[in-house]
Amino acid sequence: MEYQGYKIEHVGTFSLYKIKNKGQGPAPKALAGYYQTVNLAQKAIDGYLSTKGKVVANGKIEGDGKG
């Protein structure tokens, strides 16, 4: 299944899912690993996309109140 530009694929006979990049190359490290449900994988993608591109100088996240 595709979601937000990523593929969520069922892994073997286990009830696990893995996120893969829709295009070429690996998925971001933040999305690496296995997920027990499609819903959890979708939430991980949503969380990643909500912070994507917001990192500014010195590794601080823009708008986090710490910078």
C-alpha atoms as a PDB file:
ATOM      1  CA  MET A   1       0.000   0.000   0.000  1.00  0.00           C
ATOM      2  CA  GLU A   2       1.158   3.547  -0.621  1.00  0.00           C
ATOM      3  CA  TYR A   3       0.864   6.341   1.903  1.00  0.00           C
ATOM      4  CA  GLN A   4       2.196   9.916   1.701  1.00  0.00           C
ATOM      5  CA  GLY A   5       4.820   8.962  -0.897  1.00  0.00           C
ATOM      6  CA  TYR A   6       6.064   5.846   0.922  1.00  0.00           C
ATOM      7  CA  LYS A   7       5.285   2.142   0.549  1.00  0.00           C
ATOM      8  CA  ILE A   8       4.096   0.140   3.535  1.00  0.00           C
ATOM      9  CA  GLU A   9       4.850  -3.501   2.829  1.00  0.00           C
ATOM     10  CA  HIS A  10       3.889  -6.661   4.679  1.00  0.00           C
ATOM     11  CA  VAL A  11       6.968  -8.609   5.763  1.00  0.00           C
ATOM     12  CA  GLY A  12       6.932 -12.374   5.199  1.00  0.00           C
ATOM     13  CA  THR A  13       4.650 -14.549   7.282  1.00  0.00           C
ATOM     14  CA  PHE A  14       4.975 -12.361  10.345  1.00  0.00           C
ATOM     15  CA  SER A  15       2.405  -9.707  11.186  1.00  0.00           C
ATOM     16  CA  LEU A  16       4.923  -6.938  10.620  1.00  0.00           C
ATOM     17  CA  TYR A  17       5.172  -4.043   8.202  1.00  0.00           C
ATOM     18  CA  LYS A  18       8.148  -2.119   6.857  1.00  0.00           C
ATOM     19  CA  ILE A  19       8.254   1.359   5.333  1.00  0.00           C
ATOM     20  CA  LYS A  20      10.076   1.696   2.029  1.00  0.00           C
ATOM     21  CA  ASN A  21      10.780   4.665  -0.193  1.00  0.00           C
ATOM     22  CA  LYS A  22       8.380   4.882  -3.116  1.00  0.00           C
ATOM     23  CA  GLY A  23      11.205   5.929  -5.459  1.00  0.00           C
ATOM     24  CA  GLN A  24      14.812   4.858  -5.459  1.00  0.00           C
ATOM     25  CA  GLY A  25      16.983   4.581  -2.406  1.00  0.00           C
ATOM     26  CA  PRO A  26      16.267   3.647   1.182  1.00  0.00           C
ATOM     27  CA  ALA A  27      13.616   5.178   3.426  1.00  0.00           C
ATOM     28  CA  PRO A  28      14.842   7.773   5.954  1.00  0.00           C
ATOM     29  CA  LYS A  29      16.562   6.373   9.052  1.00  0.00           C
ATOM     30  CA  ALA A  30      13.788   7.830  11.207  1.00  0.00           C
ATOM     31  CA  LEU A  31      11.374   5.361   9.565  1.00  0.00           C
ATOM     32  CA  ALA A  32      13.643   2.303   9.736  1.00  0.00           C
ATOM     33  CA  GLY A  33      12.417  -0.775  11.533  1.00  0.00           C
ATOM     34  CA  TYR A  34       9.268  -2.854  11.675  1.00  0.00           C
ATOM     35  CA  TYR A  35       5.739  -1.887  12.676  1.00  0.00           C
ATOM     36  CA  GLN A  36       3.020  -4.125  14.095  1.00  0.00           C
ATOM     37  CA  THR A  37       0.172  -2.508  12.179  1.00  0.00           C
ATOM     38  CA  VAL A  38      -0.341  -0.369   9.085  1.00  0.00           C
ATOM     39  CA  ASN A  39      -1.821   2.311  11.338  1.00  0.00           C
ATOM     40  CA  LEU A  40       1.403   2.542  13.385  1.00  0.00           C
ATOM     41  CA  ALA A  41       3.450   2.807  10.190  1.00  0.00           C
ATOM     42  CA  GLN A  42       1.172   5.596   8.945  1.00  0.00           C
ATOM     43  CA  LYS A  43       1.547   7.470  12.227  1.00  0.00           C
ATOM     44  CA  ALA A  44       5.339   7.159  11.973  1.00  0.00           C
ATOM     45  CA  ILE A  45       5.248   8.614   8.452  1.00  0.00           C
ATOM     46  CA  ASP A  46       2.984  11.457   9.587  1.00  0.00           C
ATOM     47  CA  GLY A  47       5.317  12.222  12.492  1.00  0.00           C
ATOM     48  CA  TYR A  48       8.357  12.190  10.228  1.00  0.00           C
ATOM     49  CA  LEU A  49       6.735  14.464   7.654  1.00  0.00           C
ATOM     50  CA  SER A  50       5.590  16.917  10.339  1.00  0.00           C
ATOM     51  CA  THR A  51       9.211  17.529  11.396  1.00  0.00           C
ATOM     52  CA  LYS A  52      10.832  17.171   7.968  1.00  0.00           C
ATOM     53  CA  GLY A  53      12.564  20.339   6.866  1.00  0.00           C
ATOM     54  CA  LYS A  54      12.197  22.104  10.199  1.00  0.00           C
ATOM     55  CA  VAL A  55      15.725  21.476  11.453  1.00  0.00           C
ATOM     56  CA  VAL A  56      17.750  24.678  11.494  1.00  0.00           C
ATOM     57  CA  ALA A  57      21.328  25.560  12.525  1.00  0.00           C
ATOM     58  CA  ASN A  58      22.994  23.530  15.291  1.00  0.00           C
ATOM     59  CA  GLY A  59      20.501  20.679  14.954  1.00  0.00           C
ATOM     60  CA  LYS A  60      17.721  22.534  16.741  1.00  0.00           C
ATOM     61  CA  ILE A  61      14.164  22.134  15.538  1.00  0.00           C
ATOM     62  CA  GLU A  62      12.439  25.327  14.547  1.00  0.00           C
ATOM     63  CA  GLY A  63       9.575  26.292  16.856  1.00  0.00           C
ATOM     64  CA  ASP A  64      10.390  23.879  19.688  1.00  0.00           C
ATOM     65  CA  GLY A  65      10.856  26.675  22.222  1.00  0.00           C
ATOM     66  CA  LYS A  66      14.469  25.668  22.900  1.00  0.00           C
ATOM     67  CA  GLY A  67      16.219  27.853  20.358  1.00  0.00           C
END
